[in-house]
Amino acid sequence: MGLSSVLSATIMQRLYAANYSPVWSILIGCIITLIVCIIPGFISGVLITKYKVPPFIATLGVGGIANGITLLMCGGFPVAFLPPYLTEIGNGYLIYVLPGKAFSFFNRPEGIFGEEVKELIRIIPNSFIFIFIILIILWHVLRNTRFGKHNYAIGGNMDASVRAGININKHLMTVYVLAAFLSGVAGVFNVFQTGIGNYTPFSAMYELLAIAGVIIGGASLMGGKGGIIGSVIGVILISVIENGLHLSGVDPFYRFIAVGLVLIIAVVIDQSFPDLL
């Protein structure tokens, strides 16, 4: 995610500085980044399927290399001065309504200042639409396609899946490439929301949050269990915990401790009571 954030921001910045239009700078930056982000997933898949490297070691090693490349690209500093419209897209809304005066889609009505800005009603964030579309697609794939059913079968019993004629290596390659692609999408979207490409030690927090949310949502570390809806619920619960700590004035560094404890508790419950989560 850090790699895609910094890479996309760097490409957008340089294209825009070279007098490319904002639209083309953003579009080319997104396309190149998402293509590049497939590579770590492909490498992980090859290491796991062909060379039988344990998945944890393969993904940890490839992730470490990606993080190192990211830091070399940005030098540990945010990539700023990006094309306009980025944050307007990432933080914008589908509908804007100023009662009795203005109504518009996607863009805030022009000529609104002062108190009128406070009265402006914003309906359906663009981020919600974007995430909802991705979740619907993934839910459909897992529930209604052969790929999704094979995914659960392999996670539940790999030996039985082999005997059933499922091409394990091909499927795992697809899974790791898809995971890398979606991680790239998340990083690019982060640029749209923040307006900068950035990688800091806190970026590792996203990995911890993702794992914790999925486990709390009912996925099993042993495989064969889990789903999109449960994962969404798990992520929402993690977000509630984080926001609660923030509103309580708790030091941000305690977020790591709190999320780590929640993750450990969820895994212990999953191992001790496998049918509970």
C-alpha atoms as a PDB file:
ATOM      1  CA  MET A   1       0.000   0.000   0.000  1.00  0.00           C
ATOM      2  CA  GLY A   2       2.872   2.365   0.796  1.00  0.00           C
ATOM      3  CA  LEU A   3       4.512   1.531  -2.541  1.00  0.00           C
ATOM      4  CA  SER A   4       1.371   2.295  -4.539  1.00  0.00           C
ATOM      5  CA  SER A   5       0.788   5.516  -2.614  1.00  0.00           C
ATOM      6  CA  VAL A   6       4.283   6.898  -3.209  1.00  0.00           C
ATOM      7  CA  LEU A   7       4.625   5.549  -6.764  1.00  0.00           C
ATOM      8  CA  SER A   8       1.292   6.944  -7.963  1.00  0.00           C
ATOM      9  CA  ALA A   9       1.965  10.312  -6.333  1.00  0.00           C
ATOM     10  CA  THR A  10       5.460  10.486  -7.852  1.00  0.00           C
ATOM     11  CA  ILE A  11       4.206   9.731 -11.362  1.00  0.00           C
ATOM     12  CA  MET A  12       1.352  12.227 -11.062  1.00  0.00           C
ATOM     13  CA  GLN A  13       3.688  14.900  -9.717  1.00  0.00           C
ATOM     14  CA  ARG A  14       6.263  14.520 -12.492  1.00  0.00           C
ATOM     15  CA  LEU A  15       3.723  14.336 -15.296  1.00  0.00           C
ATOM     16  CA  TYR A  16       1.914  17.402 -14.006  1.00  0.00           C
ATOM     17  CA  ALA A  17       5.248  19.246 -13.682  1.00  0.00           C
ATOM     18  CA  ALA A  18       5.929  18.287 -17.319  1.00  0.00           C
ATOM     19  CA  ASN A  19       2.752  20.165 -18.327  1.00  0.00           C
ATOM     20  CA  TYR A  20       0.494  17.151 -18.728  1.00  0.00           C
ATOM     21  CA  SER A  21      -3.126  17.952 -17.928  1.00  0.00           C
ATOM     22  CA  PRO A  22      -4.360  17.065 -14.430  1.00  0.00           C
ATOM     23  CA  VAL A  23      -6.683  14.402 -15.842  1.00  0.00           C
ATOM     24  CA  TRP A  24      -3.963  12.648 -17.843  1.00  0.00           C
ATOM     25  CA  SER A  25      -1.461  12.943 -14.994  1.00  0.00           C
ATOM     26  CA  ILE A  26      -3.883  11.276 -12.601  1.00  0.00           C
ATOM     27  CA  LEU A  27      -5.060   8.634 -15.070  1.00  0.00           C
ATOM     28  CA  ILE A  28      -1.573   7.579 -16.213  1.00  0.00           C
ATOM     29  CA  GLY A  29      -0.307   7.563 -12.631  1.00  0.00           C
ATOM     30  CA  CYS A  30      -3.126   5.265 -11.515  1.00  0.00           C
ATOM     31  CA  ILE A  31      -2.781   2.830 -14.435  1.00  0.00           C
ATOM     32  CA  ILE A  32       1.007   2.458 -14.204  1.00  0.00           C
ATOM     33  CA  THR A  33       0.872   2.066 -10.429  1.00  0.00           C
ATOM     34  CA  LEU A  34      -1.773  -0.661 -10.485  1.00  0.00           C
ATOM     35  CA  ILE A  35       0.179  -2.593 -13.126  1.00  0.00           C
ATOM     36  CA  VAL A  36       3.398  -2.328 -11.103  1.00  0.00           C
ATOM     37  CA  CYS A  37       1.615  -3.377  -7.896  1.00  0.00           C
ATOM     38  CA  ILE A  38       0.725  -6.715  -9.461  1.00  0.00           C
ATOM     39  CA  ILE A  39       4.433  -7.636  -9.558  1.00  0.00           C
ATOM     40  CA  PRO A  40       4.913  -8.206  -5.781  1.00  0.00           C
ATOM     41  CA  GLY A  41       1.837 -10.454  -5.761  1.00  0.00           C
ATOM     42  CA  PHE A  42       3.160 -12.413  -8.737  1.00  0.00           C
ATOM     43  CA  ILE A  43       6.572 -12.854  -7.091  1.00  0.00           C
ATOM     44  CA  SER A  44       4.953 -14.018  -3.848  1.00  0.00           C
ATOM     45  CA  GLY A  45       2.818 -16.477  -5.790  1.00  0.00           C
ATOM     46  CA  VAL A  46       5.845 -17.921  -7.593  1.00  0.00           C
ATOM     47  CA  LEU A  47       7.813 -18.291  -4.356  1.00  0.00           C
ATOM     48  CA  ILE A  48       4.909 -20.067  -2.679  1.00  0.00           C
ATOM     49  CA  THR A  49       3.710 -22.314  -5.512  1.00  0.00           C
ATOM     50  CA  LYS A  50       6.960 -23.169  -7.305  1.00  0.00           C
ATOM     51  CA  TYR A  51       9.607 -22.954  -4.597  1.00  0.00           C
ATOM     52  CA  LYS A  52       7.330 -23.925  -1.675  1.00  0.00           C
ATOM     53  CA  VAL A  53       8.358 -20.964   0.464  1.00  0.00           C
ATOM     54  CA  PRO A  54       5.986 -20.631   3.464  1.00  0.00           C
ATOM     55  CA  PRO A  55       3.380 -17.948   2.649  1.00  0.00           C
ATOM     56  CA  PHE A  56       4.207 -15.901   5.744  1.00  0.00           C
ATOM     57  CA  ILE A  57       7.907 -15.729   4.858  1.00  0.00           C
ATOM     58  CA  ALA A  58       7.254 -15.034   1.170  1.00  0.00           C
ATOM     59  CA  THR A  59       4.833 -12.175   1.768  1.00  0.00           C
ATOM     60  CA  LEU A  60       6.924 -10.750   4.624  1.00  0.00           C
ATOM     61  CA  GLY A  61      10.071 -10.769   2.493  1.00  0.00           C
ATOM     62  CA  VAL A  62       8.442  -9.312  -0.609  1.00  0.00           C
ATOM     63  CA  GLY A  63       6.679  -6.719   1.540  1.00  0.00           C
ATOM     64  CA  GLY A  64       9.987  -5.713   3.101  1.00  0.00           C
ATOM     65  CA  ILE A  65      11.545  -5.265  -0.341  1.00  0.00           C
ATOM     66  CA  ALA A  66       8.565  -3.176  -1.476  1.00  0.00           C
ATOM     67  CA  ASN A  67       8.844  -0.980   1.615  1.00  0.00           C
ATOM     68  CA  GLY A  68      12.551  -0.475   0.986  1.00  0.00           C
ATOM     69  CA  ILE A  69      11.924   0.542  -2.624  1.00  0.00           C
ATOM     70  CA  THR A  70       9.241   2.937  -1.414  1.00  0.00           C
ATOM     71  CA  LEU A  71      11.619   4.652   1.007  1.00  0.00           C
ATOM     72  CA  LEU A  72      14.279   4.914  -1.699  1.00  0.00           C
ATOM     73  CA  MET A  73      11.755   6.621  -3.964  1.00  0.00           C
ATOM     74  CA  CYS A  74      10.535   9.216  -1.477  1.00  0.00           C
ATOM     75  CA  GLY A  75      13.492   9.447   0.910  1.00  0.00           C
ATOM     76  CA  GLY A  76      11.084   9.223   3.811  1.00  0.00           C
ATOM     77  CA  PHE A  77       9.364  12.481   2.828  1.00  0.00           C
ATOM     78  CA  PRO A  78       5.814  13.000   1.536  1.00  0.00           C
ATOM     79  CA  VAL A  79       5.341  13.432  -2.214  1.00  0.00           C
ATOM     80  CA  ALA A  80       3.350  16.645  -2.586  1.00  0.00           C
ATOM     81  CA  PHE A  81       2.418  19.244  -5.237  1.00  0.00           C
ATOM     82  CA  LEU A  82       0.089  16.846  -7.022  1.00  0.00           C
ATOM     83  CA  PRO A  83      -2.459  17.714  -9.723  1.00  0.00           C
ATOM     84  CA  PRO A  84      -5.641  19.503  -8.649  1.00  0.00           C
ATOM     85  CA  TYR A  85      -8.948  17.653  -8.289  1.00  0.00           C
ATOM     86  CA  LEU A  86      -7.369  14.724  -6.405  1.00  0.00           C
ATOM     87  CA  THR A  87      -8.793  15.518  -2.987  1.00  0.00           C
ATOM     88  CA  GLU A  88     -11.998  16.845  -4.526  1.00  0.00           C
ATOM     89  CA  ILE A  89     -12.580  13.373  -5.947  1.00  0.00           C
ATOM     90  CA  GLY A  90     -11.395  11.445  -2.895  1.00  0.00           C
ATOM     91  CA  ASN A  91     -13.200  13.566  -0.312  1.00  0.00           C
ATOM     92  CA  GLY A  92     -16.104  14.748  -2.439  1.00  0.00           C
ATOM     93  CA  TYR A  93     -19.760  13.735  -2.443  1.00  0.00           C
ATOM     94  CA  LEU A  94     -22.208  12.475  -5.024  1.00  0.00           C
ATOM     95  CA  ILE A  95     -24.846  15.129  -4.314  1.00  0.00           C
ATOM     96  CA  TYR A  96     -24.641  18.676  -2.959  1.00  0.00           C
ATOM     97  CA  VAL A  97     -27.779  20.536  -1.917  1.00  0.00           C
ATOM     98  CA  LEU A  98     -28.137  24.109  -0.706  1.00  0.00           C
ATOM     99  CA  PRO A  99     -31.840  24.280   0.263  1.00  0.00           C
ATOM    100  CA  GLY A 100     -33.741  26.605  -2.016  1.00  0.00           C
ATOM    101  CA  LYS A 101     -30.650  27.798  -3.888  1.00  0.00           C
ATOM    102  CA  ALA A 102     -28.465  25.145  -5.478  1.00  0.00           C
ATOM    103  CA  PHE A 103     -28.240  21.471  -6.388  1.00  0.00           C
ATOM    104  CA  SER A 104     -25.360  19.657  -8.091  1.00  0.00           C
ATOM    105  CA  PHE A 105     -23.743  16.266  -8.651  1.00  0.00           C
ATOM    106  CA  PHE A 106     -20.095  15.473  -7.818  1.00  0.00           C
ATOM    107  CA  ASN A 107     -18.944  19.114  -7.635  1.00  0.00           C
ATOM    108  CA  ARG A 108     -19.799  21.656  -4.969  1.00  0.00           C
ATOM    109  CA  PRO A 109     -22.025  24.412  -6.409  1.00  0.00           C
ATOM    110  CA  GLU A 110     -20.075  27.481  -7.465  1.00  0.00           C
ATOM    111  CA  GLY A 111     -20.477  30.839  -5.803  1.00  0.00           C
ATOM    112  CA  ILE A 112     -21.053  29.486  -2.292  1.00  0.00           C
ATOM    113  CA  PHE A 113     -19.147  31.205   0.516  1.00  0.00           C
ATOM    114  CA  GLY A 114     -19.307  31.942   4.223  1.00  0.00           C
ATOM    115  CA  GLU A 115     -22.410  30.776   6.046  1.00  0.00           C
ATOM    116  CA  GLU A 116     -23.779  29.095   2.920  1.00  0.00           C
ATOM    117  CA  VAL A 117     -20.950  26.554   3.083  1.00  0.00           C
ATOM    118  CA  LYS A 118     -22.163  25.528   6.545  1.00  0.00           C
ATOM    119  CA  GLU A 119     -25.718  25.135   5.233  1.00  0.00           C
ATOM    120  CA  LEU A 120     -24.624  22.981   2.284  1.00  0.00           C
ATOM    121  CA  ILE A 121     -25.974  19.431   2.580  1.00  0.00           C
ATOM    122  CA  ARG A 122     -23.604  16.719   1.350  1.00  0.00           C
ATOM    123  CA  ILE A 123     -25.094  13.332   0.427  1.00  0.00           C
ATOM    124  CA  ILE A 124     -23.233  10.021  -0.171  1.00  0.00           C
ATOM    125  CA  PRO A 125     -19.422  10.354  -0.063  1.00  0.00           C
ATOM    126  CA  ASN A 126     -17.535   9.349  -3.211  1.00  0.00           C
ATOM    127  CA  SER A 127     -15.397   7.084  -1.041  1.00  0.00           C
ATOM    128  CA  PHE A 128     -18.499   5.140   0.015  1.00  0.00           C
ATOM    129  CA  ILE A 129     -19.542   4.608  -3.612  1.00  0.00           C
ATOM    130  CA  PHE A 130     -16.048   3.471  -4.566  1.00  0.00           C
ATOM    131  CA  ILE A 131     -15.728   1.030  -1.667  1.00  0.00           C
ATOM    132  CA  PHE A 132     -19.299  -0.244  -2.084  1.00  0.00           C
ATOM    133  CA  ILE A 133     -18.704  -1.138  -5.746  1.00  0.00           C
ATOM    134  CA  ILE A 134     -15.525  -3.057  -4.901  1.00  0.00           C
ATOM    135  CA  LEU A 135     -17.228  -4.901  -2.032  1.00  0.00           C
ATOM    136  CA  ILE A 136     -20.176  -5.912  -4.221  1.00  0.00           C
ATOM    137  CA  ILE A 137     -17.826  -7.276  -6.886  1.00  0.00           C
ATOM    138  CA  LEU A 138     -15.771  -9.243  -4.354  1.00  0.00           C
ATOM    139  CA  TRP A 139     -18.901 -10.536  -2.606  1.00  0.00           C
ATOM    140  CA  HIS A 140     -20.251 -11.792  -5.930  1.00  0.00           C
ATOM    141  CA  VAL A 141     -16.938 -13.435  -6.823  1.00  0.00           C
ATOM    142  CA  LEU A 142     -16.696 -15.264  -3.499  1.00  0.00           C
ATOM    143  CA  ARG A 143     -20.343 -16.317  -3.337  1.00  0.00           C
ATOM    144  CA  ASN A 144     -21.336 -17.035  -6.925  1.00  0.00           C
ATOM    145  CA  THR A 145     -18.287 -17.992  -8.976  1.00  0.00           C
ATOM    146  CA  ARG A 146     -16.165 -21.102  -9.346  1.00  0.00           C
ATOM    147  CA  PHE A 147     -13.140 -19.101  -8.246  1.00  0.00           C
ATOM    148  CA  GLY A 148     -14.827 -18.173  -4.972  1.00  0.00           C
ATOM    149  CA  LYS A 149     -15.956 -21.725  -4.239  1.00  0.00           C
ATOM    150  CA  HIS A 150     -12.471 -23.048  -5.013  1.00  0.00           C
ATOM    151  CA  ASN A 151     -11.078 -20.442  -2.647  1.00  0.00           C
ATOM    152  CA  TYR A 152     -13.057 -21.827   0.283  1.00  0.00           C
ATOM    153  CA  ALA A 153     -12.337 -25.413  -0.746  1.00  0.00           C
ATOM    154  CA  ILE A 154      -8.569 -24.890  -0.865  1.00  0.00           C
ATOM    155  CA  GLY A 155      -8.599 -23.029   2.434  1.00  0.00           C
ATOM    156  CA  GLY A 156     -10.660 -25.737   4.089  1.00  0.00           C
ATOM    157  CA  ASN A 157      -8.817 -28.809   2.796  1.00  0.00           C
ATOM    158  CA  MET A 158      -6.038 -28.476   0.240  1.00  0.00           C
ATOM    159  CA  ASP A 159      -5.512 -32.236  -0.176  1.00  0.00           C
ATOM    160  CA  ALA A 160      -9.190 -32.798  -0.931  1.00  0.00           C
ATOM    161  CA  SER A 161      -9.094 -29.902  -3.389  1.00  0.00           C
ATOM    162  CA  VAL A 162      -6.184 -31.505  -5.249  1.00  0.00           C
ATOM    163  CA  ARG A 163      -8.080 -34.799  -5.470  1.00  0.00           C
ATOM    164  CA  ALA A 164     -11.118 -32.876  -6.739  1.00  0.00           C
ATOM    165  CA  GLY A 165      -9.046 -31.660  -9.682  1.00  0.00           C
ATOM    166  CA  ILE A 166      -8.579 -28.024  -8.662  1.00  0.00           C
ATOM    167  CA  ASN A 167      -5.408 -26.432 -10.041  1.00  0.00           C
ATOM    168  CA  ILE A 168      -4.003 -25.282  -6.703  1.00  0.00           C
ATOM    169  CA  ASN A 169      -0.953 -23.446  -8.028  1.00  0.00           C
ATOM    170  CA  LYS A 170      -2.904 -21.475 -10.622  1.00  0.00           C
ATOM    171  CA  HIS A 171      -5.527 -20.523  -8.063  1.00  0.00           C
ATOM    172  CA  LEU A 172      -2.985 -19.396  -5.462  1.00  0.00           C
ATOM    173  CA  MET A 173      -1.163 -17.308  -8.058  1.00  0.00           C
ATOM    174  CA  THR A 174      -4.433 -15.574  -8.884  1.00  0.00           C
ATOM    175  CA  VAL A 175      -5.174 -14.955  -5.208  1.00  0.00           C
ATOM    176  CA  TYR A 176      -1.811 -13.325  -4.505  1.00  0.00           C
ATOM    177  CA  VAL A 177      -1.923 -11.197  -7.650  1.00  0.00           C
ATOM    178  CA  LEU A 178      -5.472 -10.075  -6.797  1.00  0.00           C
ATOM    179  CA  ALA A 179      -4.446  -9.258  -3.212  1.00  0.00           C
ATOM    180  CA  ALA A 180      -1.518  -7.174  -4.465  1.00  0.00           C
ATOM    181  CA  PHE A 181      -3.758  -5.375  -6.951  1.00  0.00           C
ATOM    182  CA  LEU A 182      -6.327  -4.502  -4.276  1.00  0.00           C
ATOM    183  CA  SER A 183      -3.548  -3.301  -1.972  1.00  0.00           C
ATOM    184  CA  GLY A 184      -2.431  -1.054  -4.814  1.00  0.00           C
ATOM    185  CA  VAL A 185      -5.965   0.264  -5.226  1.00  0.00           C
ATOM    186  CA  ALA A 186      -6.064   1.105  -1.506  1.00  0.00           C
ATOM    187  CA  GLY A 187      -2.772   2.995  -1.732  1.00  0.00           C
ATOM    188  CA  VAL A 188      -3.884   5.010  -4.754  1.00  0.00           C
ATOM    189  CA  PHE A 189      -7.178   5.846  -3.083  1.00  0.00           C
ATOM    190  CA  ASN A 190      -5.240   7.041  -0.026  1.00  0.00           C
ATOM    191  CA  VAL A 191      -3.503   9.563  -2.297  1.00  0.00           C
ATOM    192  CA  PHE A 192      -6.895  10.779  -3.516  1.00  0.00           C
ATOM    193  CA  GLN A 193      -8.014  11.366   0.065  1.00  0.00           C
ATOM    194  CA  THR A 194      -4.858  12.918   1.534  1.00  0.00           C
ATOM    195  CA  GLY A 195      -3.478  14.698  -1.525  1.00  0.00           C
ATOM    196  CA  ILE A 196       0.034  13.345  -0.911  1.00  0.00           C
ATOM    197  CA  GLY A 197       1.968  10.124  -1.370  1.00  0.00           C
ATOM    198  CA  ASN A 198       3.469   9.093   1.913  1.00  0.00           C
ATOM    199  CA  TYR A 199       5.129   6.182   3.667  1.00  0.00           C
ATOM    200  CA  THR A 200       5.963   6.257   7.363  1.00  0.00           C
ATOM    201  CA  PRO A 201       6.401   3.618  10.081  1.00  0.00           C
ATOM    202  CA  PHE A 202       2.711   4.172  10.812  1.00  0.00           C
ATOM    203  CA  SER A 203       1.903   2.745   7.382  1.00  0.00           C
ATOM    204  CA  ALA A 204       2.467  -0.705   8.872  1.00  0.00           C
ATOM    205  CA  MET A 205      -0.597   0.038  10.992  1.00  0.00           C
ATOM    206  CA  TYR A 206      -2.793  -0.516   7.942  1.00  0.00           C
ATOM    207  CA  GLU A 207      -1.577  -4.109   7.642  1.00  0.00           C
ATOM    208  CA  LEU A 208      -2.350  -4.747  11.303  1.00  0.00           C
ATOM    209  CA  LEU A 209      -5.781  -3.140  10.970  1.00  0.00           C
ATOM    210  CA  ALA A 210      -6.592  -5.207   7.881  1.00  0.00           C
ATOM    211  CA  ILE A 211      -5.629  -8.494   9.544  1.00  0.00           C
ATOM    212  CA  ALA A 212      -7.456  -7.638  12.761  1.00  0.00           C
ATOM    213  CA  GLY A 213     -10.612  -6.571  10.937  1.00  0.00           C
ATOM    214  CA  VAL A 214     -10.781  -9.751   8.861  1.00  0.00           C
ATOM    215  CA  ILE A 215     -10.132 -12.047  11.842  1.00  0.00           C
ATOM    216  CA  ILE A 216     -12.721 -10.266  13.994  1.00  0.00           C
ATOM    217  CA  GLY A 217     -15.112 -10.540  11.051  1.00  0.00           C
ATOM    218  CA  GLY A 218     -15.023 -14.324  11.206  1.00  0.00           C
ATOM    219  CA  ALA A 219     -12.151 -15.370   8.939  1.00  0.00           C
ATOM    220  CA  SER A 220      -9.997 -18.209  10.241  1.00  0.00           C
ATOM    221  CA  LEU A 221      -6.210 -18.254  10.129  1.00  0.00           C
ATOM    222  CA  MET A 222      -6.523 -21.936   9.260  1.00  0.00           C
ATOM    223  CA  GLY A 223      -8.492 -21.071   6.108  1.00  0.00           C
ATOM    224  CA  GLY A 224     -11.864 -22.065   4.686  1.00  0.00           C
ATOM    225  CA  LYS A 225     -13.895 -19.478   6.613  1.00  0.00           C
ATOM    226  CA  GLY A 226     -14.758 -15.829   6.234  1.00  0.00           C
ATOM    227  CA  GLY A 227     -16.600 -13.481   3.943  1.00  0.00           C
ATOM    228  CA  ILE A 228     -16.942  -9.920   2.739  1.00  0.00           C
ATOM    229  CA  ILE A 229     -19.808  -8.916   5.036  1.00  0.00           C
ATOM    230  CA  GLY A 230     -18.078 -10.260   8.138  1.00  0.00           C
ATOM    231  CA  SER A 231     -14.842  -8.518   7.183  1.00  0.00           C
ATOM    232  CA  VAL A 232     -16.672  -5.210   6.756  1.00  0.00           C
ATOM    233  CA  ILE A 233     -18.226  -5.603  10.205  1.00  0.00           C
ATOM    234  CA  GLY A 234     -14.805  -6.404  11.654  1.00  0.00           C
ATOM    235  CA  VAL A 235     -13.244  -3.317  10.079  1.00  0.00           C
ATOM    236  CA  ILE A 236     -16.101  -1.162  11.386  1.00  0.00           C
ATOM    237  CA  LEU A 237     -15.531  -2.493  14.909  1.00  0.00           C
ATOM    238  CA  ILE A 238     -11.819  -1.714  14.656  1.00  0.00           C
ATOM    239  CA  SER A 239     -12.668   1.799  13.437  1.00  0.00           C
ATOM    240  CA  VAL A 240     -15.024   2.297  16.384  1.00  0.00           C
ATOM    241  CA  ILE A 241     -12.249   1.290  18.787  1.00  0.00           C
ATOM    242  CA  GLU A 242      -9.774   3.661  17.110  1.00  0.00           C
ATOM    243  CA  ASN A 243     -12.201   6.580  17.065  1.00  0.00           C
ATOM    244  CA  GLY A 244     -13.108   5.912  20.678  1.00  0.00           C
ATOM    245  CA  LEU A 245      -9.457   6.102  21.689  1.00  0.00           C
ATOM    246  CA  HIS A 246      -9.012   9.291  19.672  1.00  0.00           C
ATOM    247  CA  LEU A 247     -12.081  11.003  21.140  1.00  0.00           C
ATOM    248  CA  SER A 248     -10.949   9.979  24.621  1.00  0.00           C
ATOM    249  CA  GLY A 249      -7.678  11.806  24.103  1.00  0.00           C
ATOM    250  CA  VAL A 250      -5.585   8.633  24.258  1.00  0.00           C
ATOM    251  CA  ASP A 251      -2.046   8.919  22.856  1.00  0.00           C
ATOM    252  CA  PRO A 252      -2.043   7.736  19.197  1.00  0.00           C
ATOM    253  CA  PHE A 253       0.808   5.335  19.951  1.00  0.00           C
ATOM    254  CA  TYR A 254      -1.585   3.290  22.083  1.00  0.00           C
ATOM    255  CA  ARG A 255      -3.515   2.444  18.908  1.00  0.00           C
ATOM    256  CA  PHE A 256      -0.905  -0.196  18.119  1.00  0.00           C
ATOM    257  CA  ILE A 257      -1.306  -1.731  21.562  1.00  0.00           C
ATOM    258  CA  ALA A 258      -5.108  -1.707  21.467  1.00  0.00           C
ATOM    259  CA  VAL A 259      -5.410  -3.182  17.965  1.00  0.00           C
ATOM    260  CA  GLY A 260      -2.717  -5.769  18.722  1.00  0.00           C
ATOM    261  CA  LEU A 261      -4.586  -6.892  21.844  1.00  0.00           C
ATOM    262  CA  VAL A 262      -7.864  -7.101  19.947  1.00  0.00           C
ATOM    263  CA  LEU A 263      -6.175  -9.199  17.253  1.00  0.00           C
ATOM    264  CA  ILE A 264      -4.669 -11.606  19.801  1.00  0.00           C
ATOM    265  CA  ILE A 265      -7.991 -11.982  21.615  1.00  0.00           C
ATOM    266  CA  ALA A 266      -9.818 -12.648  18.334  1.00  0.00           C
ATOM    267  CA  VAL A 267      -7.293 -15.326  17.307  1.00  0.00           C
ATOM    268  CA  VAL A 268      -7.458 -16.991  20.739  1.00  0.00           C
ATOM    269  CA  ILE A 269     -11.254 -17.101  20.512  1.00  0.00           C
ATOM    270  CA  ASP A 270     -11.046 -18.472  16.963  1.00  0.00           C
ATOM    271  CA  GLN A 271      -8.689 -21.253  18.036  1.00  0.00           C
ATOM    272  CA  SER A 272     -10.547 -22.086  21.253  1.00  0.00           C
ATOM    273  CA  PHE A 273     -14.092 -21.738  19.933  1.00  0.00           C
ATOM    274  CA  PRO A 274     -13.871 -22.201  16.128  1.00  0.00           C
ATOM    275  CA  ASP A 275     -17.643 -21.988  15.606  1.00  0.00           C
ATOM    276  CA  LEU A 276     -18.108 -18.814  17.636  1.00  0.00           C
ATOM    277  CA  LEU A 277     -16.723 -16.173  15.229  1.00  0.00           C
END
